[in-house]
Amino acid sequence: MKRLVRGLLLLSSALLSSNAAWAQARRMLWGDTSRLGRPFAKDPSVIRFGGRYLLYYSMPPYADDRAGNGWAIGIAESRDLIEWIKAGEFVAGAEYEARGIAAPFAKVIDGRVHLLYQTYGNGAHDAICHAVSGDGLRFERDGTNPIFYPTGDWNAGRAIDAEIVKDGKRWLLYAATRDPAMKEQMVVGAVSYGGWSRSEWKLMADHPLLKPELAWEQNCIEAPTLLQHDGVFYMFYAAAYNNAPQKIGLARSTDGVRWERVGTQPFLANGKPGEWNSSESGHPGLFVDDDGQTYLFFQGNNDNGRTWLLSFVKLGWRNGLPYIAS
């Protein structure tokens, strides 16, 4: 009997090891088919919450002209980061969101999920909003929404693609804005020492923190996603507009305000002709799991945007810099 039990335990252990190896060998390529009948999910943000992984993403309007139709935020869940099942939606529900919402960023703080997102379809008037949830699925909007948009004559007043990072007693908010002519997209930053409401956020500088300079960045830098490693801030960003092709760059900073690029080439380029991401690798989103493993999620497609899939690469660290580990 003891031999049988021991054998079953060994078999169970072998199966778990085999399943783990199989999960590592598989690639996440996922898109939401619920609205268009074809895979379409953009702007990934992943957290671990309530015993599972939650993925927040932008989803397009339905193909028909139903009332209230517009861009919205989808929510999917997973146990292994590979297989995802749709779990819910967060849709426009306030007057300032009338044309839609998109580009979510989720962060767990003190047992609650804080969600930053942008209004959609308002050009220079798009701005950043905030909502909070106890279960990761149902959200309550901030009464001061929209909580952030930049001021000054160097920008158009637009804010999209927001993300926050904690630095000591302050919160740093990074987003994308455009120049007054609405042609060049660039990174803007704000800081708060008090809270999330609109009155708390102050511009870090009266100029862009990062703007396009390299040929492959064309006229767009957007979707900043950040982490700290050994006291240094690292920002992954999307360069060039959708399918131009968009690629992912990397910059670093010691104070969160002054940024320098890490090299002159993309950190993650679009794929080769025929590959799933040949049209772009774009809109990155960082996720650090409980075991410390860092994942860089991103969007891609090979049909110039008819479909959009989400995937990730694992990151490692070498000589103080991140690299693609797998």
C-alpha atoms as a PDB file:
ATOM      1  CA  MET A   1       0.000   0.000   0.000  1.00  0.00           C
ATOM      2  CA  LYS A   2       2.827   2.392   0.917  1.00  0.00           C
ATOM      3  CA  ARG A   3       4.511   1.634  -2.409  1.00  0.00           C
ATOM      4  CA  LEU A   4       1.247   2.396  -4.248  1.00  0.00           C
ATOM      5  CA  VAL A   5       0.807   5.720  -2.452  1.00  0.00           C
ATOM      6  CA  ARG A   6       4.417   6.647  -3.086  1.00  0.00           C
ATOM      7  CA  GLY A   7       4.015   5.735  -6.737  1.00  0.00           C
ATOM      8  CA  LEU A   8       0.909   7.878  -7.047  1.00  0.00           C
ATOM      9  CA  LEU A   9       2.710  10.812  -5.417  1.00  0.00           C
ATOM     10  CA  LEU A  10       5.631  10.458  -7.798  1.00  0.00           C
ATOM     11  CA  LEU A  11       3.258  10.261 -10.763  1.00  0.00           C
ATOM     12  CA  SER A  12       1.372  13.344  -9.551  1.00  0.00           C
ATOM     13  CA  SER A  13       4.635  15.239  -9.132  1.00  0.00           C
ATOM     14  CA  ALA A  14       5.759  14.212 -12.614  1.00  0.00           C
ATOM     15  CA  LEU A  15       2.447  15.321 -14.122  1.00  0.00           C
ATOM     16  CA  LEU A  16       2.643  18.702 -12.387  1.00  0.00           C
ATOM     17  CA  SER A  17       6.206  19.143 -13.610  1.00  0.00           C
ATOM     18  CA  SER A  18       5.146  18.139 -17.117  1.00  0.00           C
ATOM     19  CA  ASN A  19       2.202  20.552 -17.047  1.00  0.00           C
ATOM     20  CA  ALA A  20       4.487  23.376 -15.867  1.00  0.00           C
ATOM     21  CA  ALA A  21       6.937  22.636 -18.665  1.00  0.00           C
ATOM     22  CA  TRP A  22       4.076  22.540 -21.167  1.00  0.00           C
ATOM     23  CA  ALA A  23       2.787  25.910 -19.923  1.00  0.00           C
ATOM     24  CA  GLN A  24       6.254  27.388 -20.344  1.00  0.00           C
ATOM     25  CA  ALA A  25       6.488  26.034 -23.894  1.00  0.00           C
ATOM     26  CA  ARG A  26       3.182  27.542 -24.996  1.00  0.00           C
ATOM     27  CA  ARG A  27       2.819  31.116 -26.174  1.00  0.00           C
ATOM     28  CA  MET A  28      -0.015  33.375 -25.131  1.00  0.00           C
ATOM     29  CA  LEU A  29      -1.784  34.655 -28.240  1.00  0.00           C
ATOM     30  CA  TRP A  30      -5.199  35.859 -27.156  1.00  0.00           C
ATOM     31  CA  GLY A  31      -7.889  38.164 -28.480  1.00  0.00           C
ATOM     32  CA  ASP A  32     -11.494  38.833 -27.492  1.00  0.00           C
ATOM     33  CA  THR A  33     -13.945  37.659 -30.183  1.00  0.00           C
ATOM     34  CA  SER A  34     -17.145  38.743 -28.400  1.00  0.00           C
ATOM     35  CA  ARG A  35     -17.722  42.025 -30.243  1.00  0.00           C
ATOM     36  CA  LEU A  36     -16.490  41.562 -33.790  1.00  0.00           C
ATOM     37  CA  GLY A  37     -16.442  37.797 -34.200  1.00  0.00           C
ATOM     38  CA  ARG A  38     -12.677  37.913 -34.698  1.00  0.00           C
ATOM     39  CA  PRO A  39      -9.845  38.317 -32.161  1.00  0.00           C
ATOM     40  CA  PHE A  40      -9.503  41.938 -31.083  1.00  0.00           C
ATOM     41  CA  ALA A  41      -7.904  43.085 -27.814  1.00  0.00           C
ATOM     42  CA  LYS A  42      -5.503  45.987 -27.257  1.00  0.00           C
ATOM     43  CA  ASP A  43      -3.617  47.825 -24.492  1.00  0.00           C
ATOM     44  CA  PRO A  44      -2.956  45.016 -21.961  1.00  0.00           C
ATOM     45  CA  SER A  45      -2.604  45.485 -18.203  1.00  0.00           C
ATOM     46  CA  VAL A  46      -2.259  42.438 -15.922  1.00  0.00           C
ATOM     47  CA  ILE A  47      -2.501  41.984 -12.143  1.00  0.00           C
ATOM     48  CA  ARG A  48      -2.692  39.071  -9.733  1.00  0.00           C
ATOM     49  CA  PHE A  49      -5.762  39.395  -7.529  1.00  0.00           C
ATOM     50  CA  GLY A  50      -8.168  37.066  -5.755  1.00  0.00           C
ATOM     51  CA  GLY A  51      -6.206  33.912  -6.515  1.00  0.00           C
ATOM     52  CA  ARG A  52      -6.063  34.435 -10.267  1.00  0.00           C
ATOM     53  CA  TYR A  53      -4.610  36.709 -12.917  1.00  0.00           C
ATOM     54  CA  LEU A  54      -6.773  39.476 -14.312  1.00  0.00           C
ATOM     55  CA  LEU A  55      -6.176  41.050 -17.710  1.00  0.00           C
ATOM     56  CA  TYR A  56      -7.647  44.458 -18.551  1.00  0.00           C
ATOM     57  CA  TYR A  57      -7.709  45.497 -22.203  1.00  0.00           C
ATOM     58  CA  SER A  58      -9.372  47.794 -24.731  1.00  0.00           C
ATOM     59  CA  MET A  59     -12.202  46.290 -26.748  1.00  0.00           C
ATOM     60  CA  PRO A  60     -13.765  47.828 -29.877  1.00  0.00           C
ATOM     61  CA  PRO A  61     -17.363  48.849 -30.544  1.00  0.00           C
ATOM     62  CA  TYR A  62     -19.765  46.197 -31.791  1.00  0.00           C
ATOM     63  CA  ALA A  63     -20.048  45.907 -35.569  1.00  0.00           C
ATOM     64  CA  ASP A  64     -23.677  47.120 -35.531  1.00  0.00           C
ATOM     65  CA  ASP A  65     -25.050  50.535 -34.537  1.00  0.00           C
ATOM     66  CA  ARG A  66     -26.647  49.552 -31.221  1.00  0.00           C
ATOM     67  CA  ALA A  67     -27.330  52.289 -28.672  1.00  0.00           C
ATOM     68  CA  GLY A  68     -24.458  53.196 -26.414  1.00  0.00           C
ATOM     69  CA  ASN A  69     -22.006  51.399 -28.660  1.00  0.00           C
ATOM     70  CA  GLY A  70     -18.378  52.424 -28.251  1.00  0.00           C
ATOM     71  CA  TRP A  71     -14.936  51.422 -27.076  1.00  0.00           C
ATOM     72  CA  ALA A  72     -14.896  49.717 -23.673  1.00  0.00           C
ATOM     73  CA  ILE A  73     -12.634  47.824 -21.285  1.00  0.00           C
ATOM     74  CA  GLY A  74     -12.696  44.045 -21.219  1.00  0.00           C
ATOM     75  CA  ILE A  75     -11.643  41.872 -18.293  1.00  0.00           C
ATOM     76  CA  ALA A  76     -10.313  38.313 -18.664  1.00  0.00           C
ATOM     77  CA  GLU A  77      -9.000  35.855 -16.081  1.00  0.00           C
ATOM     78  CA  SER A  78      -6.383  33.112 -16.124  1.00  0.00           C
ATOM     79  CA  ARG A  79      -4.610  30.657 -13.849  1.00  0.00           C
ATOM     80  CA  ASP A  80      -1.426  30.331 -15.904  1.00  0.00           C
ATOM     81  CA  LEU A  81      -1.083  33.553 -17.985  1.00  0.00           C
ATOM     82  CA  ILE A  82      -1.524  31.462 -21.149  1.00  0.00           C
ATOM     83  CA  GLU A  83      -5.203  30.503 -21.345  1.00  0.00           C
ATOM     84  CA  TRP A  84      -7.660  33.365 -20.783  1.00  0.00           C
ATOM     85  CA  ILE A  85     -11.440  33.455 -20.334  1.00  0.00           C
ATOM     86  CA  LYS A  86     -13.453  36.642 -20.503  1.00  0.00           C
ATOM     87  CA  ALA A  87     -14.818  37.536 -17.056  1.00  0.00           C
ATOM     88  CA  GLY A  88     -16.487  40.924 -17.498  1.00  0.00           C
ATOM     89  CA  GLU A  89     -16.605  44.392 -19.000  1.00  0.00           C
ATOM     90  CA  PHE A  90     -16.269  47.939 -17.725  1.00  0.00           C
ATOM     91  CA  VAL A  91     -18.210  50.135 -20.129  1.00  0.00           C
ATOM     92  CA  ALA A  92     -18.820  53.848 -20.501  1.00  0.00           C
ATOM     93  CA  GLY A  93     -21.324  55.049 -17.941  1.00  0.00           C
ATOM     94  CA  ALA A  94     -20.713  58.738 -17.301  1.00  0.00           C
ATOM     95  CA  GLU A  95     -21.354  61.783 -19.468  1.00  0.00           C
ATOM     96  CA  TYR A  96     -17.634  62.473 -19.918  1.00  0.00           C
ATOM     97  CA  GLU A  97     -17.278  58.896 -21.259  1.00  0.00           C
ATOM     98  CA  ALA A  98     -20.059  59.210 -23.814  1.00  0.00           C
ATOM     99  CA  ARG A  99     -17.862  58.260 -26.801  1.00  0.00           C
ATOM    100  CA  GLY A 100     -16.143  55.373 -25.067  1.00  0.00           C
ATOM    101  CA  ILE A 101     -13.287  54.424 -22.749  1.00  0.00           C
ATOM    102  CA  ALA A 102     -10.004  52.600 -23.368  1.00  0.00           C
ATOM    103  CA  ALA A 103      -6.349  51.969 -22.429  1.00  0.00           C
ATOM    104  CA  PRO A 104      -6.766  50.548 -18.898  1.00  0.00           C
ATOM    105  CA  PHE A 105      -4.057  50.303 -16.271  1.00  0.00           C
ATOM    106  CA  ALA A 106      -4.771  48.252 -13.140  1.00  0.00           C
ATOM    107  CA  LYS A 107      -2.867  48.208  -9.857  1.00  0.00           C
ATOM    108  CA  VAL A 108      -3.621  46.477  -6.561  1.00  0.00           C
ATOM    109  CA  ILE A 109      -3.285  48.849  -3.598  1.00  0.00           C
ATOM    110  CA  ASP A 110      -4.306  47.892  -0.047  1.00  0.00           C
ATOM    111  CA  GLY A 111      -6.477  45.019  -1.227  1.00  0.00           C
ATOM    112  CA  ARG A 112      -8.408  46.979  -3.857  1.00  0.00           C
ATOM    113  CA  VAL A 113      -7.978  47.310  -7.602  1.00  0.00           C
ATOM    114  CA  HIS A 114      -7.382  50.847  -8.846  1.00  0.00           C
ATOM    115  CA  LEU A 115      -8.051  51.376 -12.533  1.00  0.00           C
ATOM    116  CA  LEU A 116      -6.800  54.249 -14.653  1.00  0.00           C
ATOM    117  CA  TYR A 117      -8.326  54.638 -18.097  1.00  0.00           C
ATOM    118  CA  GLN A 118      -8.873  57.265 -20.754  1.00  0.00           C
ATOM    119  CA  THR A 119     -11.910  58.771 -22.371  1.00  0.00           C
ATOM    120  CA  TYR A 120     -12.013  57.958 -26.085  1.00  0.00           C
ATOM    121  CA  GLY A 121     -12.824  59.792 -29.289  1.00  0.00           C
ATOM    122  CA  ASN A 122     -12.560  63.370 -28.037  1.00  0.00           C
ATOM    123  CA  GLY A 123      -9.303  64.360 -29.716  1.00  0.00           C
ATOM    124  CA  ALA A 124      -7.487  67.018 -27.714  1.00  0.00           C
ATOM    125  CA  HIS A 125     -10.066  66.723 -24.926  1.00  0.00           C
ATOM    126  CA  ASP A 126      -9.421  63.091 -23.991  1.00  0.00           C
ATOM    127  CA  ALA A 127      -8.318  62.755 -20.361  1.00  0.00           C
ATOM    128  CA  ILE A 128      -7.439  60.236 -17.653  1.00  0.00           C
ATOM    129  CA  CYS A 129     -10.083  58.800 -15.316  1.00  0.00           C
ATOM    130  CA  HIS A 130      -9.945  56.661 -12.176  1.00  0.00           C
ATOM    131  CA  ALA A 131     -12.132  53.931 -10.665  1.00  0.00           C
ATOM    132  CA  VAL A 132     -11.822  51.469  -7.751  1.00  0.00           C
ATOM    133  CA  SER A 133     -13.018  47.896  -7.219  1.00  0.00           C
ATOM    134  CA  GLY A 134     -13.132  45.388  -4.377  1.00  0.00           C
ATOM    135  CA  ASP A 135     -13.376  42.348  -6.640  1.00  0.00           C
ATOM    136  CA  GLY A 136     -11.593  43.455  -9.816  1.00  0.00           C
ATOM    137  CA  LEU A 137     -14.787  43.246 -11.869  1.00  0.00           C
ATOM    138  CA  ARG A 138     -17.198  45.932 -10.625  1.00  0.00           C
ATOM    139  CA  PHE A 139     -15.812  49.470 -10.386  1.00  0.00           C
ATOM    140  CA  GLU A 140     -16.862  52.698  -8.738  1.00  0.00           C
ATOM    141  CA  ARG A 141     -15.809  55.892 -10.519  1.00  0.00           C
ATOM    142  CA  ASP A 142     -13.851  58.677  -8.896  1.00  0.00           C
ATOM    143  CA  GLY A 143     -16.111  61.633  -8.215  1.00  0.00           C
ATOM    144  CA  THR A 144     -13.461  64.048  -9.507  1.00  0.00           C
ATOM    145  CA  ASN A 145     -13.110  62.390 -12.943  1.00  0.00           C
ATOM    146  CA  PRO A 146     -11.381  63.104 -15.183  1.00  0.00           C
ATOM    147  CA  ILE A 147      -8.481  63.239 -12.742  1.00  0.00           C
ATOM    148  CA  PHE A 148      -5.697  64.345 -15.119  1.00  0.00           C
ATOM    149  CA  TYR A 149      -4.965  66.228 -18.310  1.00  0.00           C
ATOM    150  CA  PRO A 150      -1.921  68.439 -18.918  1.00  0.00           C
ATOM    151  CA  THR A 151      -1.883  72.219 -19.170  1.00  0.00           C
ATOM    152  CA  GLY A 152       0.557  74.605 -20.827  1.00  0.00           C
ATOM    153  CA  ASP A 153       1.123  75.918 -24.329  1.00  0.00           C
ATOM    154  CA  TRP A 154       3.553  73.089 -25.208  1.00  0.00           C
ATOM    155  CA  ASN A 155       0.794  70.465 -25.407  1.00  0.00           C
ATOM    156  CA  ALA A 156      -2.760  70.085 -26.719  1.00  0.00           C
ATOM    157  CA  GLY A 157      -4.278  69.313 -23.305  1.00  0.00           C
ATOM    158  CA  ARG A 158      -4.767  65.655 -24.177  1.00  0.00           C
ATOM    159  CA  ALA A 159      -3.931  62.701 -21.905  1.00  0.00           C
ATOM    160  CA  ILE A 160      -4.144  58.991 -22.798  1.00  0.00           C
ATOM    161  CA  ASP A 161      -2.379  55.719 -21.878  1.00  0.00           C
ATOM    162  CA  ALA A 162      -1.809  56.490 -18.186  1.00  0.00           C
ATOM    163  CA  GLU A 163       0.148  54.476 -15.653  1.00  0.00           C
ATOM    164  CA  ILE A 164       1.313  55.149 -12.091  1.00  0.00           C
ATOM    165  CA  VAL A 165       4.281  54.029 -10.002  1.00  0.00           C
ATOM    166  CA  LYS A 166       4.979  54.565  -6.283  1.00  0.00           C
ATOM    167  CA  ASP A 167       8.189  56.324  -5.299  1.00  0.00           C
ATOM    168  CA  GLY A 168       8.513  56.754  -1.567  1.00  0.00           C
ATOM    169  CA  LYS A 169       5.667  58.981  -0.398  1.00  0.00           C
ATOM    170  CA  ARG A 170       4.744  60.175  -3.864  1.00  0.00           C
ATOM    171  CA  TRP A 171       2.832  58.703  -6.769  1.00  0.00           C
ATOM    172  CA  LEU A 172       4.161  59.330 -10.264  1.00  0.00           C
ATOM    173  CA  LEU A 173       1.728  59.350 -13.174  1.00  0.00           C
ATOM    174  CA  TYR A 174       2.899  58.977 -16.754  1.00  0.00           C
ATOM    175  CA  ALA A 175       0.727  59.383 -19.825  1.00  0.00           C
ATOM    176  CA  ALA A 176       0.868  60.346 -23.482  1.00  0.00           C
ATOM    177  CA  THR A 177      -0.087  63.765 -24.798  1.00  0.00           C
ATOM    178  CA  ARG A 178       0.320  65.591 -28.118  1.00  0.00           C
ATOM    179  CA  ASP A 179       1.807  68.837 -29.280  1.00  0.00           C
ATOM    180  CA  PRO A 180      -0.588  71.754 -29.916  1.00  0.00           C
ATOM    181  CA  ALA A 181      -0.916  70.750 -33.585  1.00  0.00           C
ATOM    182  CA  MET A 182      -2.002  67.207 -32.522  1.00  0.00           C
ATOM    183  CA  LYS A 183       0.674  65.615 -34.719  1.00  0.00           C
ATOM    184  CA  GLU A 184       3.428  64.499 -32.342  1.00  0.00           C
ATOM    185  CA  GLN A 185       2.707  62.150 -29.440  1.00  0.00           C
ATOM    186  CA  MET A 186       4.976  62.343 -26.368  1.00  0.00           C
ATOM    187  CA  VAL A 187       5.196  61.432 -22.677  1.00  0.00           C
ATOM    188  CA  VAL A 188       3.934  63.752 -19.933  1.00  0.00           C
ATOM    189  CA  GLY A 189       4.318  63.248 -16.175  1.00  0.00           C
ATOM    190  CA  ALA A 190       2.495  64.306 -13.021  1.00  0.00           C
ATOM    191  CA  VAL A 191       3.089  63.796  -9.311  1.00  0.00           C
ATOM    192  CA  SER A 192       0.783  63.471  -6.292  1.00  0.00           C
ATOM    193  CA  TYR A 193       1.663  63.451  -2.604  1.00  0.00           C
ATOM    194  CA  GLY A 194      -1.905  63.299  -1.367  1.00  0.00           C
ATOM    195  CA  GLY A 195      -4.303  61.110  -3.310  1.00  0.00           C
ATOM    196  CA  TRP A 196      -6.013  60.349  -6.593  1.00  0.00           C
ATOM    197  CA  SER A 197      -8.388  63.264  -7.027  1.00  0.00           C
ATOM    198  CA  ARG A 198      -7.905  65.820  -9.793  1.00  0.00           C
ATOM    199  CA  SER A 199      -6.644  68.551  -7.473  1.00  0.00           C
ATOM    200  CA  GLU A 200      -3.732  66.389  -6.237  1.00  0.00           C
ATOM    201  CA  TRP A 201      -1.933  65.876  -9.565  1.00  0.00           C
ATOM    202  CA  LYS A 202       0.720  68.434 -10.541  1.00  0.00           C
ATOM    203  CA  LEU A 203       2.872  68.403 -13.669  1.00  0.00           C
ATOM    204  CA  MET A 204       6.428  67.177 -13.109  1.00  0.00           C
ATOM    205  CA  ALA A 205       7.757  69.577 -15.744  1.00  0.00           C
ATOM    206  CA  ASP A 206       6.494  72.173 -18.215  1.00  0.00           C
ATOM    207  CA  HIS A 207       7.817  70.126 -21.150  1.00  0.00           C
ATOM    208  CA  PRO A 208       7.550  66.549 -22.425  1.00  0.00           C
ATOM    209  CA  LEU A 209       9.575  63.968 -20.506  1.00  0.00           C
ATOM    210  CA  LEU A 210      10.245  61.963 -23.657  1.00  0.00           C
ATOM    211  CA  LYS A 211       9.400  62.725 -27.271  1.00  0.00           C
ATOM    212  CA  PRO A 212      10.226  61.091 -30.627  1.00  0.00           C
ATOM    213  CA  GLU A 213      13.811  61.561 -31.770  1.00  0.00           C
ATOM    214  CA  LEU A 214      14.910  58.338 -33.481  1.00  0.00           C
ATOM    215  CA  ALA A 215      13.880  57.417 -37.024  1.00  0.00           C
ATOM    216  CA  TRP A 216      11.963  54.273 -35.992  1.00  0.00           C
ATOM    217  CA  GLU A 217      10.008  56.248 -33.390  1.00  0.00           C
ATOM    218  CA  GLN A 218       8.602  58.374 -36.235  1.00  0.00           C
ATOM    219  CA  ASN A 219       6.302  60.989 -34.645  1.00  0.00           C
ATOM    220  CA  CYS A 220       4.873  59.042 -31.704  1.00  0.00           C
ATOM    221  CA  ILE A 221       5.894  57.900 -28.242  1.00  0.00           C
ATOM    222  CA  GLU A 222       3.006  56.581 -26.148  1.00  0.00           C
ATOM    223  CA  ALA A 223       1.893  53.892 -23.672  1.00  0.00           C
ATOM    224  CA  PRO A 224       4.646  54.340 -21.056  1.00  0.00           C
ATOM    225  CA  THR A 225       4.892  51.418 -18.623  1.00  0.00           C
ATOM    226  CA  LEU A 226       7.309  51.511 -15.695  1.00  0.00           C
ATOM    227  CA  LEU A 227       9.137  49.677 -12.966  1.00  0.00           C
ATOM    228  CA  GLN A 228      11.976  50.344 -10.543  1.00  0.00           C
ATOM    229  CA  HIS A 229      15.032  48.114 -10.320  1.00  0.00           C
ATOM    230  CA  ASP A 230      17.922  48.775  -7.948  1.00  0.00           C
ATOM    231  CA  GLY A 231      16.817  52.383  -7.508  1.00  0.00           C
ATOM    232  CA  VAL A 232      16.497  53.150 -11.216  1.00  0.00           C
ATOM    233  CA  PHE A 233      13.262  53.775 -13.133  1.00  0.00           C
ATOM    234  CA  TYR A 234      12.833  51.900 -16.408  1.00  0.00           C
ATOM    235  CA  MET A 235      10.217  52.976 -18.934  1.00  0.00           C
ATOM    236  CA  PHE A 236       9.124  50.773 -21.815  1.00  0.00           C
ATOM    237  CA  TYR A 237       7.187  52.741 -24.415  1.00  0.00           C
ATOM    238  CA  ALA A 238       5.450  52.286 -27.751  1.00  0.00           C
ATOM    239  CA  ALA A 239       7.055  54.152 -30.640  1.00  0.00           C
ATOM    240  CA  ALA A 240       5.345  55.121 -33.930  1.00  0.00           C
ATOM    241  CA  TYR A 241       1.597  55.043 -34.443  1.00  0.00           C
ATOM    242  CA  ASN A 242      -0.343  51.786 -34.871  1.00  0.00           C
ATOM    243  CA  ASN A 243       0.993  49.483 -37.579  1.00  0.00           C
ATOM    244  CA  ALA A 244       3.503  52.081 -38.823  1.00  0.00           C
ATOM    245  CA  PRO A 245       4.919  49.628 -37.546  1.00  0.00           C
ATOM    246  CA  GLN A 246       4.841  50.282 -33.826  1.00  0.00           C
ATOM    247  CA  LYS A 247       7.819  48.975 -31.816  1.00  0.00           C
ATOM    248  CA  ILE A 248       8.787  49.034 -28.147  1.00  0.00           C
ATOM    249  CA  GLY A 249      11.599  51.209 -26.820  1.00  0.00           C
ATOM    250  CA  LEU A 250      13.321  51.507 -23.455  1.00  0.00           C
ATOM    251  CA  ALA A 251      14.481  54.500 -21.404  1.00  0.00           C
ATOM    252  CA  ARG A 252      15.759  54.934 -17.853  1.00  0.00           C
ATOM    253  CA  SER A 253      15.863  57.627 -15.176  1.00  0.00           C
ATOM    254  CA  THR A 254      17.174  58.115 -11.666  1.00  0.00           C
ATOM    255  CA  ASP A 255      14.580  60.718 -10.653  1.00  0.00           C
ATOM    256  CA  GLY A 256      11.545  59.899 -12.823  1.00  0.00           C
ATOM    257  CA  VAL A 257      11.786  63.243 -14.642  1.00  0.00           C
ATOM    258  CA  ARG A 258      14.974  63.196 -16.725  1.00  0.00           C
ATOM    259  CA  TRP A 259      15.042  60.240 -19.093  1.00  0.00           C
ATOM    260  CA  GLU A 260      17.678  58.765 -21.365  1.00  0.00           C
ATOM    261  CA  ARG A 261      17.198  56.041 -23.933  1.00  0.00           C
ATOM    262  CA  VAL A 262      18.845  52.671 -23.433  1.00  0.00           C
ATOM    263  CA  GLY A 263      20.431  52.307 -26.849  1.00  0.00           C
ATOM    264  CA  THR A 264      19.241  53.533 -30.220  1.00  0.00           C
ATOM    265  CA  GLN A 265      17.426  50.371 -31.364  1.00  0.00           C
ATOM    266  CA  PRO A 266      14.011  49.003 -30.333  1.00  0.00           C
ATOM    267  CA  PHE A 267      13.927  46.806 -27.248  1.00  0.00           C
ATOM    268  CA  LEU A 268      11.228  44.711 -28.944  1.00  0.00           C
ATOM    269  CA  ALA A 269      10.598  45.120 -32.668  1.00  0.00           C
ATOM    270  CA  ASN A 270       7.705  43.970 -34.818  1.00  0.00           C
ATOM    271  CA  GLY A 271       7.923  40.474 -36.272  1.00  0.00           C
ATOM    272  CA  LYS A 272       9.202  39.320 -39.627  1.00  0.00           C
ATOM    273  CA  PRO A 273       6.814  38.988 -42.618  1.00  0.00           C
ATOM    274  CA  GLY A 274       4.334  36.191 -41.933  1.00  0.00           C
ATOM    275  CA  GLU A 275       4.802  36.206 -38.154  1.00  0.00           C
ATOM    276  CA  TRP A 276       1.842  36.963 -35.888  1.00  0.00           C
ATOM    277  CA  ASN A 277       3.165  40.460 -35.031  1.00  0.00           C
ATOM    278  CA  SER A 278       4.606  41.513 -38.374  1.00  0.00           C
ATOM    279  CA  SER A 279       2.415  44.637 -38.432  1.00  0.00           C
ATOM    280  CA  GLU A 280       3.545  45.732 -34.965  1.00  0.00           C
ATOM    281  CA  SER A 281       4.648  44.968 -31.435  1.00  0.00           C
ATOM    282  CA  GLY A 282       3.028  47.753 -29.464  1.00  0.00           C
ATOM    283  CA  HIS A 283       1.453  49.228 -26.331  1.00  0.00           C
ATOM    284  CA  PRO A 284       3.535  47.447 -23.662  1.00  0.00           C
ATOM    285  CA  GLY A 285       2.344  46.671 -20.145  1.00  0.00           C
ATOM    286  CA  LEU A 286       4.640  45.420 -17.358  1.00  0.00           C
ATOM    287  CA  PHE A 287       3.574  42.846 -14.774  1.00  0.00           C
ATOM    288  CA  VAL A 288       5.707  41.616 -11.861  1.00  0.00           C
ATOM    289  CA  ASP A 289       4.345  38.377 -10.379  1.00  0.00           C
ATOM    290  CA  ASP A 290       4.472  37.384  -6.716  1.00  0.00           C
ATOM    291  CA  ASP A 291       7.616  35.313  -7.351  1.00  0.00           C
ATOM    292  CA  GLY A 292       9.435  38.336  -8.803  1.00  0.00           C
ATOM    293  CA  GLN A 293       9.261  37.198 -12.425  1.00  0.00           C
ATOM    294  CA  THR A 294       8.701  40.184 -14.716  1.00  0.00           C
ATOM    295  CA  TYR A 295       6.533  39.950 -17.838  1.00  0.00           C
ATOM    296  CA  LEU A 296       6.246  42.460 -20.648  1.00  0.00           C
ATOM    297  CA  PHE A 297       2.793  42.191 -22.215  1.00  0.00           C
ATOM    298  CA  PHE A 298       2.149  43.793 -25.593  1.00  0.00           C
ATOM    299  CA  GLN A 299      -0.227  43.830 -28.553  1.00  0.00           C
ATOM    300  CA  GLY A 300       0.411  42.750 -32.125  1.00  0.00           C
ATOM    301  CA  ASN A 301      -1.112  41.677 -35.412  1.00  0.00           C
ATOM    302  CA  ASN A 302      -0.142  40.733 -38.963  1.00  0.00           C
ATOM    303  CA  ASP A 303      -3.076  42.174 -40.896  1.00  0.00           C
ATOM    304  CA  ASN A 304      -2.638  45.923 -40.373  1.00  0.00           C
ATOM    305  CA  GLY A 305      -5.110  46.044 -37.499  1.00  0.00           C
ATOM    306  CA  ARG A 306      -8.046  43.933 -38.666  1.00  0.00           C
ATOM    307  CA  THR A 307      -7.300  41.734 -35.661  1.00  0.00           C
ATOM    308  CA  TRP A 308      -5.318  42.392 -32.473  1.00  0.00           C
ATOM    309  CA  LEU A 309      -3.741  39.747 -30.260  1.00  0.00           C
ATOM    310  CA  LEU A 310      -2.052  40.012 -26.868  1.00  0.00           C
ATOM    311  CA  SER A 311       1.090  38.190 -25.805  1.00  0.00           C
ATOM    312  CA  PHE A 312       4.103  38.583 -23.502  1.00  0.00           C
ATOM    313  CA  VAL A 313       7.806  37.953 -23.129  1.00  0.00           C
ATOM    314  CA  LYS A 314       9.636  37.223 -19.897  1.00  0.00           C
ATOM    315  CA  LEU A 315      12.292  39.680 -18.795  1.00  0.00           C
ATOM    316  CA  GLY A 316      15.546  39.018 -16.997  1.00  0.00           C
ATOM    317  CA  TRP A 317      18.276  41.340 -15.704  1.00  0.00           C
ATOM    318  CA  ARG A 318      21.888  41.458 -16.775  1.00  0.00           C
ATOM    319  CA  ASN A 319      24.440  44.116 -15.817  1.00  0.00           C
ATOM    320  CA  GLY A 320      21.663  46.308 -14.477  1.00  0.00           C
ATOM    321  CA  LEU A 321      19.572  46.219 -17.670  1.00  0.00           C
ATOM    322  CA  PRO A 322      16.500  44.225 -18.664  1.00  0.00           C
ATOM    323  CA  TYR A 323      16.646  41.708 -21.490  1.00  0.00           C
ATOM    324  CA  ILE A 324      14.188  39.315 -23.124  1.00  0.00           C
ATOM    325  CA  ALA A 325      14.697  35.992 -21.336  1.00  0.00           C
ATOM    326  CA  SER A 326      12.062  34.002 -23.234  1.00  0.00           C
END
